[in-house]
Amino acid sequence: MYKKIIGIIFLAGALVAMALLFSVDKSQDMKTTNIEIKKGENIWITAGNLKKEGIIESKIYFVWYVYKNDYRGKIKAGKYILSSNLKTSEITMILVAGD
């Protein structure tokens, strides 16, 4: 029982640390990029393209955020202009809203 509690506390701490790490203001390193999401593209491909273009820092965090917030399958295909200073929540809302 004690090990489970320690594990849960450790996991919660790691998630908080990840959230803080990826919510850092990136306005000084702003980069604007054209991104195309193709119809039927899975979330890992999308995350990989966003990472490759410097829009996100972590594919795993982006995919986790999409799943955690129930946006799985809701990202719309289209062409987008995204900035690297956007937070994960902002990027996701743009992709869910569509172009």
PDB file of N, CA and C in Angstrom:
ATOM      1  N   MET A   1       0.824  -1.191   0.000  1.00  0.00           N
ATOM      2  CA  MET A   1       0.000   0.000   0.000  1.00  0.00           C
ATOM      3  C   MET A   1       0.871   1.259   0.000  1.00  0.00           C
ATOM      4  N   TYR A   2       1.920   1.213   0.826  1.00  0.00           N
ATOM      5  CA  TYR A   2       2.831   2.346   0.942  1.00  0.00           C
ATOM      6  C   TYR A   2       3.508   2.635  -0.399  1.00  0.00           C
ATOM      7  N   LYS A   3       3.903   1.589  -1.110  1.00  0.00           N
ATOM      8  CA  LYS A   3       4.562   1.759  -2.403  1.00  0.00           C
ATOM      9  C   LYS A   3       3.616   2.373  -3.430  1.00  0.00           C
ATOM     10  N   LYS A   4       2.330   2.009  -3.373  1.00  0.00           N
ATOM     11  CA  LYS A   4       1.348   2.577  -4.303  1.00  0.00           C
ATOM     12  C   LYS A   4       1.195   4.071  -4.066  1.00  0.00           C
ATOM     13  N   ILE A   5       1.148   4.476  -2.809  1.00  0.00           N
ATOM     14  CA  ILE A   5       1.003   5.898  -2.481  1.00  0.00           C
ATOM     15  C   ILE A   5       2.212   6.684  -2.959  1.00  0.00           C
ATOM     16  N   ILE A   6       3.400   6.156  -2.723  1.00  0.00           N
ATOM     17  CA  ILE A   6       4.625   6.814  -3.187  1.00  0.00           C
ATOM     18  C   ILE A   6       4.621   6.901  -4.711  1.00  0.00           C
ATOM     19  N   GLY A   7       4.184   5.824  -5.368  1.00  0.00           N
ATOM     20  CA  GLY A   7       4.113   5.819  -6.833  1.00  0.00           C
ATOM     21  C   GLY A   7       3.154   6.866  -7.365  1.00  0.00           C
ATOM     22  N   ILE A   8       2.021   6.999  -6.727  1.00  0.00           N
ATOM     23  CA  ILE A   8       1.030   7.996  -7.151  1.00  0.00           C
ATOM     24  C   ILE A   8       1.563   9.406  -6.943  1.00  0.00           C
ATOM     25  N   ILE A   9       2.205   9.643  -5.823  1.00  0.00           N
ATOM     26  CA  ILE A   9       2.779  10.960  -5.548  1.00  0.00           C
ATOM     27  C   ILE A   9       3.869  11.279  -6.570  1.00  0.00           C
ATOM     28  N   PHE A  10       4.701  10.294  -6.875  1.00  0.00           N
ATOM     29  CA  PHE A  10       5.762  10.487  -7.867  1.00  0.00           C
ATOM     30  C   PHE A  10       5.168  10.809  -9.238  1.00  0.00           C
ATOM     31  N   LEU A  11       4.157  10.069  -9.645  1.00  0.00           N
ATOM     32  CA  LEU A  11       3.513  10.285 -10.936  1.00  0.00           C
ATOM     33  C   LEU A  11       2.876  11.668 -11.009  1.00  0.00           C
ATOM     34  N   ALA A  12       2.187  12.062  -9.950  1.00  0.00           N
ATOM     35  CA  ALA A  12       1.562  13.386  -9.911  1.00  0.00           C
ATOM     36  C   ALA A  12       2.623  14.476 -10.022  1.00  0.00           C
ATOM     37  N   GLY A  13       3.736  14.306  -9.322  1.00  0.00           N
ATOM     38  CA  GLY A  13       4.824  15.281  -9.388  1.00  0.00           C
ATOM     39  C   GLY A  13       5.410  15.369 -10.783  1.00  0.00           C
ATOM     40  N   ALA A  14       5.570  14.227 -11.431  1.00  0.00           N
ATOM     41  CA  ALA A  14       6.112  14.208 -12.789  1.00  0.00           C
ATOM     42  C   ALA A  14       5.174  14.920 -13.760  1.00  0.00           C
ATOM     43  N   LEU A  15       3.874  14.709 -13.611  1.00  0.00           N
ATOM     44  CA  LEU A  15       2.903  15.369 -14.493  1.00  0.00           C
ATOM     45  C   LEU A  15       2.905  16.881 -14.280  1.00  0.00           C
ATOM     46  N   VAL A  16       2.993  17.317 -13.039  1.00  0.00           N
ATOM     47  CA  VAL A  16       3.055  18.754 -12.747  1.00  0.00           C
ATOM     48  C   VAL A  16       4.327  19.348 -13.341  1.00  0.00           C
ATOM     49  N   ALA A  17       5.442  18.650 -13.186  1.00  0.00           N
ATOM     50  CA  ALA A  17       6.706  19.131 -13.748  1.00  0.00           C
ATOM     51  C   ALA A  17       6.627  19.248 -15.265  1.00  0.00           C
ATOM     52  N   MET A  18       6.012  18.259 -15.920  1.00  0.00           N
ATOM     53  CA  MET A  18       5.853  18.314 -17.379  1.00  0.00           C
ATOM     54  C   MET A  18       4.983  19.500 -17.780  1.00  0.00           C
ATOM     55  N   ALA A  19       3.904  19.713 -17.064  1.00  0.00           N
ATOM     56  CA  ALA A  19       3.003  20.823 -17.384  1.00  0.00           C
ATOM     57  C   ALA A  19       3.729  22.159 -17.243  1.00  0.00           C
ATOM     58  N   LEU A  20       4.503  22.313 -16.200  1.00  0.00           N
ATOM     59  CA  LEU A  20       5.257  23.551 -16.009  1.00  0.00           C
ATOM     60  C   LEU A  20       6.333  23.722 -17.067  1.00  0.00           C
ATOM     61  N   LEU A  21       7.003  22.652 -17.401  1.00  0.00           N
ATOM     62  CA  LEU A  21       8.066  22.697 -18.391  1.00  0.00           C
ATOM     63  C   LEU A  21       7.542  23.132 -19.750  1.00  0.00           C
ATOM     64  N   PHE A  22       6.399  22.620 -20.148  1.00  0.00           N
ATOM     65  CA  PHE A  22       5.882  22.903 -21.485  1.00  0.00           C
ATOM     66  C   PHE A  22       4.973  24.125 -21.549  1.00  0.00           C
ATOM     67  N   SER A  23       4.732  24.777 -20.420  1.00  0.00           N
ATOM     68  CA  SER A  23       3.932  25.996 -20.441  1.00  0.00           C
ATOM     69  C   SER A  23       4.810  27.235 -20.341  1.00  0.00           C
ATOM     70  N   VAL A  24       6.121  27.069 -20.469  1.00  0.00           N
ATOM     71  CA  VAL A  24       7.060  28.185 -20.415  1.00  0.00           C
ATOM     72  C   VAL A  24       6.798  29.116 -21.592  1.00  0.00           C
ATOM     73  N   ASP A  25       6.891  30.424 -21.351  1.00  0.00           N
ATOM     74  CA  ASP A  25       6.692  31.422 -22.402  1.00  0.00           C
ATOM     75  C   ASP A  25       7.794  31.295 -23.450  1.00  0.00           C
ATOM     76  N   LYS A  26       7.396  31.018 -24.689  1.00  0.00           N
ATOM     77  CA  LYS A  26       8.356  30.832 -25.772  1.00  0.00           C
ATOM     78  C   LYS A  26       8.321  32.002 -26.754  1.00  0.00           C
ATOM     79  N   SER A  27       7.812  33.166 -26.350  1.00  0.00           N
ATOM     80  CA  SER A  27       7.600  34.273 -27.273  1.00  0.00           C
ATOM     81  C   SER A  27       8.894  34.791 -27.888  1.00  0.00           C
ATOM     82  N   GLN A  28      10.037  34.632 -27.214  1.00  0.00           N
ATOM     83  CA  GLN A  28      11.290  35.132 -27.761  1.00  0.00           C
ATOM     84  C   GLN A  28      11.775  34.277 -28.922  1.00  0.00           C
ATOM     85  N   ASP A  29      11.387  33.022 -28.989  1.00  0.00           N
ATOM     86  CA  ASP A  29      11.840  32.112 -30.036  1.00  0.00           C
ATOM     87  C   ASP A  29      10.738  31.834 -31.063  1.00  0.00           C
ATOM     88  N   MET A  30       9.871  32.812 -31.305  1.00  0.00           N
ATOM     89  CA  MET A  30       8.703  32.581 -32.142  1.00  0.00           C
ATOM     90  C   MET A  30       9.084  32.242 -33.584  1.00  0.00           C
ATOM     91  N   LYS A  31       8.432  31.214 -34.097  1.00  0.00           N
ATOM     92  CA  LYS A  31       8.604  30.756 -35.472  1.00  0.00           C
ATOM     93  C   LYS A  31       7.217  30.444 -36.009  1.00  0.00           C
ATOM     94  N   THR A  32       6.894  30.955 -37.191  1.00  0.00           N
ATOM     95  CA  THR A  32       5.604  30.672 -37.816  1.00  0.00           C
ATOM     96  C   THR A  32       5.815  29.678 -38.946  1.00  0.00           C
ATOM     97  N   THR A  33       4.956  28.659 -38.975  1.00  0.00           N
ATOM     98  CA  THR A  33       5.119  27.579 -39.945  1.00  0.00           C
ATOM     99  C   THR A  33       3.773  27.167 -40.524  1.00  0.00           C
ATOM    100  N   ASN A  34       3.792  26.804 -41.804  1.00  0.00           N
ATOM    101  CA  ASN A  34       2.610  26.220 -42.450  1.00  0.00           C
ATOM    102  C   ASN A  34       2.618  24.722 -42.178  1.00  0.00           C
ATOM    103  N   ILE A  35       1.510  24.218 -41.701  1.00  0.00           N
ATOM    104  CA  ILE A  35       1.358  22.792 -41.393  1.00  0.00           C
ATOM    105  C   ILE A  35       0.127  22.283 -42.126  1.00  0.00           C
ATOM    106  N   GLU A  36       0.253  21.108 -42.736  1.00  0.00           N
ATOM    107  CA  GLU A  36      -0.919  20.471 -43.340  1.00  0.00           C
ATOM    108  C   GLU A  36      -1.192  19.157 -42.627  1.00  0.00           C
ATOM    109  N   ILE A  37      -2.432  19.011 -42.185  1.00  0.00           N
ATOM    110  CA  ILE A  37      -2.875  17.749 -41.591  1.00  0.00           C
ATOM    111  C   ILE A  37      -3.773  17.081 -42.621  1.00  0.00           C
ATOM    112  N   LYS A  38      -3.383  15.895 -43.012  1.00  0.00           N
ATOM    113  CA  LYS A  38      -4.125  15.173 -44.037  1.00  0.00           C
ATOM    114  C   LYS A  38      -5.274  14.375 -43.423  1.00  0.00           C
ATOM    115  N   LYS A  39      -6.325  14.196 -44.199  1.00  0.00           N
ATOM    116  CA  LYS A  39      -7.478  13.415 -43.747  1.00  0.00           C
ATOM    117  C   LYS A  39      -7.026  11.998 -43.396  1.00  0.00           C
ATOM    118  N   GLY A  40      -7.432  11.517 -42.249  1.00  0.00           N
ATOM    119  CA  GLY A  40      -7.090  10.175 -41.804  1.00  0.00           C
ATOM    120  C   GLY A  40      -5.735  10.070 -41.108  1.00  0.00           C
ATOM    121  N   GLU A  41      -5.010  11.180 -41.011  1.00  0.00           N
ATOM    122  CA  GLU A  41      -3.699  11.165 -40.364  1.00  0.00           C
ATOM    123  C   GLU A  41      -3.864  10.902 -38.869  1.00  0.00           C
ATOM    124  N   ASN A  42      -3.054   9.982 -38.336  1.00  0.00           N
ATOM    125  CA  ASN A  42      -3.210   9.685 -36.913  1.00  0.00           C
ATOM    126  C   ASN A  42      -2.470  10.714 -36.066  1.00  0.00           C
ATOM    127  N   ILE A  43      -2.792  10.744 -34.782  1.00  0.00           N
ATOM    128  CA  ILE A  43      -2.275  11.765 -33.877  1.00  0.00           C
ATOM    129  C   ILE A  43      -0.752  11.726 -33.763  1.00  0.00           C
ATOM    130  N   TRP A  44      -0.157  10.534 -33.874  1.00  0.00           N
ATOM    131  CA  TRP A  44       1.303  10.437 -33.775  1.00  0.00           C
ATOM    132  C   TRP A  44       1.987  11.070 -34.979  1.00  0.00           C
ATOM    133  N   ILE A  45       1.402  10.943 -36.161  1.00  0.00           N
ATOM    134  CA  ILE A  45       1.946  11.584 -37.362  1.00  0.00           C
ATOM    135  C   ILE A  45       1.828  13.095 -37.219  1.00  0.00           C
ATOM    136  N   THR A  46       0.665  13.557 -36.782  1.00  0.00           N
ATOM    137  CA  THR A  46       0.447  14.986 -36.574  1.00  0.00           C
ATOM    138  C   THR A  46       1.460  15.533 -35.580  1.00  0.00           C
ATOM    139  N   ALA A  47       1.607  14.857 -34.453  1.00  0.00           N
ATOM    140  CA  ALA A  47       2.553  15.300 -33.422  1.00  0.00           C
ATOM    141  C   ALA A  47       3.980  15.316 -33.967  1.00  0.00           C
ATOM    142  N   GLY A  48       4.343  14.303 -34.755  1.00  0.00           N
ATOM    143  CA  GLY A  48       5.676  14.252 -35.347  1.00  0.00           C
ATOM    144  C   GLY A  48       5.942  15.425 -36.274  1.00  0.00           C
ATOM    145  N   ASN A  49       4.935  15.782 -37.076  1.00  0.00           N
ATOM    146  CA  ASN A  49       5.077  16.922 -37.983  1.00  0.00           C
ATOM    147  C   ASN A  49       5.189  18.237 -37.211  1.00  0.00           C
ATOM    148  N   LEU A  50       4.399  18.379 -36.162  1.00  0.00           N
ATOM    149  CA  LEU A  50       4.474  19.585 -35.334  1.00  0.00           C
ATOM    150  C   LEU A  50       5.843  19.703 -34.668  1.00  0.00           C
ATOM    151  N   LYS A  51       6.367  18.596 -34.201  1.00  0.00           N
ATOM    152  CA  LYS A  51       7.698  18.597 -33.568  1.00  0.00           C
ATOM    153  C   LYS A  51       8.783  18.908 -34.587  1.00  0.00           C
ATOM    154  N   LYS A  52       8.702  18.279 -35.752  1.00  0.00           N
ATOM    155  CA  LYS A  52       9.696  18.492 -36.802  1.00  0.00           C
ATOM    156  C   LYS A  52       9.762  19.964 -37.219  1.00  0.00           C
ATOM    157  N   GLU A  53       8.614  20.627 -37.222  1.00  0.00           N
ATOM    158  CA  GLU A  53       8.553  22.033 -37.619  1.00  0.00           C
ATOM    159  C   GLU A  53       8.837  22.995 -36.461  1.00  0.00           C
ATOM    160  N   GLY A  54       9.074  22.455 -35.278  1.00  0.00           N
ATOM    161  CA  GLY A  54       9.414  23.305 -34.131  1.00  0.00           C
ATOM    162  C   GLY A  54       8.230  23.965 -33.458  1.00  0.00           C
ATOM    163  N   ILE A  55       7.020  23.481 -33.728  1.00  0.00           N
ATOM    164  CA  ILE A  55       5.816  24.054 -33.123  1.00  0.00           C
ATOM    165  C   ILE A  55       5.609  23.511 -31.713  1.00  0.00           C
ATOM    166  N   ILE A  56       5.926  22.249 -31.500  1.00  0.00           N
ATOM    167  CA  ILE A  56       5.843  21.651 -30.162  1.00  0.00           C
ATOM    168  C   ILE A  56       7.219  21.104 -29.793  1.00  0.00           C
ATOM    169  N   GLU A  57       7.420  20.900 -28.503  1.00  0.00           N
ATOM    170  CA  GLU A  57       8.707  20.379 -28.036  1.00  0.00           C
ATOM    171  C   GLU A  57       8.669  18.876 -27.800  1.00  0.00           C
ATOM    172  N   SER A  58       7.475  18.316 -27.568  1.00  0.00           N
ATOM    173  CA  SER A  58       7.391  16.896 -27.234  1.00  0.00           C
ATOM    174  C   SER A  58       6.178  16.255 -27.895  1.00  0.00           C
ATOM    175  N   LYS A  59       6.437  15.234 -28.712  1.00  0.00           N
ATOM    176  CA  LYS A  59       5.332  14.478 -29.315  1.00  0.00           C
ATOM    177  C   LYS A  59       4.506  13.786 -28.239  1.00  0.00           C
ATOM    178  N   ILE A  60       5.183  13.186 -27.282  1.00  0.00           N
ATOM    179  CA  ILE A  60       4.489  12.424 -26.238  1.00  0.00           C
ATOM    180  C   ILE A  60       3.565  13.326 -25.431  1.00  0.00           C
ATOM    181  N   TYR A  61       4.049  14.505 -25.057  1.00  0.00           N
ATOM    182  CA  TYR A  61       3.206  15.421 -24.283  1.00  0.00           C
ATOM    183  C   TYR A  61       1.997  15.863 -25.103  1.00  0.00           C
ATOM    184  N   PHE A  62       2.205  16.169 -26.386  1.00  0.00           N
ATOM    185  CA  PHE A  62       1.093  16.601 -27.232  1.00  0.00           C
ATOM    186  C   PHE A  62       0.034  15.509 -27.342  1.00  0.00           C
ATOM    187  N   VAL A  63       0.462  14.276 -27.613  1.00  0.00           N
ATOM    188  CA  VAL A  63      -0.482  13.153 -27.728  1.00  0.00           C
ATOM    189  C   VAL A  63      -1.191  12.931 -26.394  1.00  0.00           C
ATOM    190  N   TRP A  64      -0.451  12.984 -25.300  1.00  0.00           N
ATOM    191  CA  TRP A  64      -1.046  12.830 -23.960  1.00  0.00           C
ATOM    192  C   TRP A  64      -2.110  13.902 -23.735  1.00  0.00           C
ATOM    193  N   TYR A  65      -1.802  15.149 -24.098  1.00  0.00           N
ATOM    194  CA  TYR A  65      -2.744  16.250 -23.907  1.00  0.00           C
ATOM    195  C   TYR A  65      -4.021  16.013 -24.714  1.00  0.00           C
ATOM    196  N   VAL A  66      -3.874  15.591 -25.965  1.00  0.00           N
ATOM    197  CA  VAL A  66      -5.029  15.325 -26.826  1.00  0.00           C
ATOM    198  C   VAL A  66      -5.915  14.236 -26.217  1.00  0.00           C
ATOM    199  N   TYR A  67      -5.302  13.141 -25.769  1.00  0.00           N
ATOM    200  CA  TYR A  67      -6.076  12.045 -25.170  1.00  0.00           C
ATOM    201  C   TYR A  67      -6.714  12.466 -23.844  1.00  0.00           C
ATOM    202  N   LYS A  68      -5.929  13.126 -23.003  1.00  0.00           N
ATOM    203  CA  LYS A  68      -6.406  13.531 -21.677  1.00  0.00           C
ATOM    204  C   LYS A  68      -7.624  14.445 -21.777  1.00  0.00           C
ATOM    205  N   ASN A  69      -7.634  15.313 -22.763  1.00  0.00           N
ATOM    206  CA  ASN A  69      -8.711  16.292 -22.909  1.00  0.00           C
ATOM    207  C   ASN A  69      -9.782  15.866 -23.902  1.00  0.00           C
ATOM    208  N   ASP A  70      -9.782  14.578 -24.257  1.00  0.00           N
ATOM    209  CA  ASP A  70     -10.814  13.982 -25.101  1.00  0.00           C
ATOM    210  C   ASP A  70     -10.936  14.647 -26.479  1.00  0.00           C
ATOM    211  N   TYR A  71      -9.780  14.988 -27.078  1.00  0.00           N
ATOM    212  CA  TYR A  71      -9.770  15.532 -28.437  1.00  0.00           C
ATOM    213  C   TYR A  71      -9.392  14.467 -29.466  1.00  0.00           C
ATOM    214  N   ARG A  72      -9.266  13.229 -29.024  1.00  0.00           N
ATOM    215  CA  ARG A  72      -8.902  12.139 -29.933  1.00  0.00           C
ATOM    216  C   ARG A  72      -9.956  12.034 -31.036  1.00  0.00           C
ATOM    217  N   GLY A  73      -9.505  12.067 -32.281  1.00  0.00           N
ATOM    218  CA  GLY A  73     -10.404  11.964 -33.425  1.00  0.00           C
ATOM    219  C   GLY A  73     -11.109  13.257 -33.778  1.00  0.00           C
ATOM    220  N   LYS A  74     -10.835  14.337 -33.053  1.00  0.00           N
ATOM    221  CA  LYS A  74     -11.533  15.607 -33.293  1.00  0.00           C
ATOM    222  C   LYS A  74     -10.690  16.632 -34.045  1.00  0.00           C
ATOM    223  N   ILE A  75      -9.407  16.330 -34.247  1.00  0.00           N
ATOM    224  CA  ILE A  75      -8.539  17.246 -34.995  1.00  0.00           C
ATOM    225  C   ILE A  75      -8.915  17.151 -36.468  1.00  0.00           C
ATOM    226  N   LYS A  76      -9.093  18.311 -37.091  1.00  0.00           N
ATOM    227  CA  LYS A  76      -9.582  18.364 -38.467  1.00  0.00           C
ATOM    228  C   LYS A  76      -8.437  18.501 -39.466  1.00  0.00           C
ATOM    229  N   ALA A  77      -8.593  17.807 -40.579  1.00  0.00           N
ATOM    230  CA  ALA A  77      -7.632  17.930 -41.674  1.00  0.00           C
ATOM    231  C   ALA A  77      -7.688  19.348 -42.222  1.00  0.00           C
ATOM    232  N   GLY A  78      -6.562  19.809 -42.725  1.00  0.00           N
ATOM    233  CA  GLY A  78      -6.527  21.144 -43.315  1.00  0.00           C
ATOM    234  C   GLY A  78      -5.139  21.734 -43.270  1.00  0.00           C
ATOM    235  N   LYS A  79      -5.047  22.970 -43.755  1.00  0.00           N
ATOM    236  CA  LYS A  79      -3.782  23.712 -43.750  1.00  0.00           C
ATOM    237  C   LYS A  79      -3.866  24.778 -42.665  1.00  0.00           C
ATOM    238  N   TYR A  80      -2.811  24.852 -41.884  1.00  0.00           N
ATOM    239  CA  TYR A  80      -2.776  25.757 -40.745  1.00  0.00           C
ATOM    240  C   TYR A  80      -1.483  26.556 -40.748  1.00  0.00           C
ATOM    241  N   ILE A  81      -1.545  27.765 -40.217  1.00  0.00           N
ATOM    242  CA  ILE A  81      -0.353  28.562 -39.945  1.00  0.00           C
ATOM    243  C   ILE A  81      -0.257  28.640 -38.432  1.00  0.00           C
ATOM    244  N   LEU A  82       0.787  28.027 -37.882  1.00  0.00           N
ATOM    245  CA  LEU A  82       0.955  27.945 -36.440  1.00  0.00           C
ATOM    246  C   LEU A  82       2.270  28.579 -36.020  1.00  0.00           C
ATOM    247  N   SER A  83       2.277  29.138 -34.828  1.00  0.00           N
ATOM    248  CA  SER A  83       3.477  29.753 -34.262  1.00  0.00           C
ATOM    249  C   SER A  83       4.028  28.893 -33.144  1.00  0.00           C
ATOM    250  N   SER A  84       5.327  28.912 -33.015  1.00  0.00           N
ATOM    251  CA  SER A  84       5.976  28.111 -31.978  1.00  0.00           C
ATOM    252  C   SER A  84       5.757  28.681 -30.578  1.00  0.00           C
ATOM    253  N   ASN A  85       5.226  29.903 -30.471  1.00  0.00           N
ATOM    254  CA  ASN A  85       4.981  30.467 -29.142  1.00  0.00           C
ATOM    255  C   ASN A  85       3.601  30.103 -28.590  1.00  0.00           C
ATOM    256  N   LEU A  86       2.825  29.323 -29.338  1.00  0.00           N
ATOM    257  CA  LEU A  86       1.512  28.881 -28.859  1.00  0.00           C
ATOM    258  C   LEU A  86       1.663  27.765 -27.832  1.00  0.00           C
ATOM    259  N   LYS A  87       0.778  27.766 -26.858  1.00  0.00           N
ATOM    260  CA  LYS A  87       0.742  26.682 -25.875  1.00  0.00           C
ATOM    261  C   LYS A  87       0.053  25.471 -26.506  1.00  0.00           C
ATOM    262  N   THR A  88       0.287  24.312 -25.925  1.00  0.00           N
ATOM    263  CA  THR A  88      -0.328  23.083 -26.424  1.00  0.00           C
ATOM    264  C   THR A  88      -1.848  23.208 -26.470  1.00  0.00           C
ATOM    265  N   SER A  89      -2.434  23.823 -25.466  1.00  0.00           N
ATOM    266  CA  SER A  89      -3.893  23.993 -25.443  1.00  0.00           C
ATOM    267  C   SER A  89      -4.365  24.858 -26.603  1.00  0.00           C
ATOM    268  N   GLU A  90      -3.610  25.893 -26.944  1.00  0.00           N
ATOM    269  CA  GLU A  90      -3.981  26.772 -28.055  1.00  0.00           C
ATOM    270  C   GLU A  90      -3.841  26.057 -29.399  1.00  0.00           C
ATOM    271  N   ILE A  91      -2.758  25.323 -29.554  1.00  0.00           N
ATOM    272  CA  ILE A  91      -2.550  24.563 -30.793  1.00  0.00           C
ATOM    273  C   ILE A  91      -3.687  23.573 -30.990  1.00  0.00           C
ATOM    274  N   THR A  92      -4.019  22.861 -29.922  1.00  0.00           N
ATOM    275  CA  THR A  92      -5.076  21.846 -30.001  1.00  0.00           C
ATOM    276  C   THR A  92      -6.411  22.485 -30.357  1.00  0.00           C
ATOM    277  N   MET A  93      -6.736  23.601 -29.752  1.00  0.00           N
ATOM    278  CA  MET A  93      -8.021  24.258 -30.053  1.00  0.00           C
ATOM    279  C   MET A  93      -8.083  24.705 -31.512  1.00  0.00           C
ATOM    280  N   ILE A  94      -6.978  25.183 -32.057  1.00  0.00           N
ATOM    281  CA  ILE A  94      -6.940  25.588 -33.465  1.00  0.00           C
ATOM    282  C   ILE A  94      -7.181  24.373 -34.352  1.00  0.00           C
ATOM    283  N   LEU A  95      -6.513  23.274 -34.041  1.00  0.00           N
ATOM    284  CA  LEU A  95      -6.638  22.068 -34.873  1.00  0.00           C
ATOM    285  C   LEU A  95      -8.015  21.419 -34.753  1.00  0.00           C
ATOM    286  N   VAL A  96      -8.652  21.550 -33.628  1.00  0.00           N
ATOM    287  CA  VAL A  96     -10.002  21.002 -33.435  1.00  0.00           C
ATOM    288  C   VAL A  96     -11.043  21.873 -34.135  1.00  0.00           C
ATOM    289  N   ALA A  97     -10.814  23.191 -34.120  1.00  0.00           N
ATOM    290  CA  ALA A  97     -11.759  24.125 -34.757  1.00  0.00           C
ATOM    291  C   ALA A  97     -11.718  24.001 -36.287  1.00  0.00           C
ATOM    292  N   GLY A  98     -10.558  23.655 -36.836  1.00  0.00           N
ATOM    293  CA  GLY A  98     -10.435  23.536 -38.287  1.00  0.00           C
ATOM    294  C   GLY A  98      -9.908  24.800 -38.911  1.00  0.00           C
ATOM    295  N   ASP A  99      -9.578  24.694 -40.206  1.00  0.00           N
ATOM    296  CA  ASP A  99      -8.981  25.856 -40.898  1.00  0.00           C
ATOM    297  C   ASP A  99      -9.987  26.795 -41.469  1.00  0.00           C
TER     298      ASP A  99
END
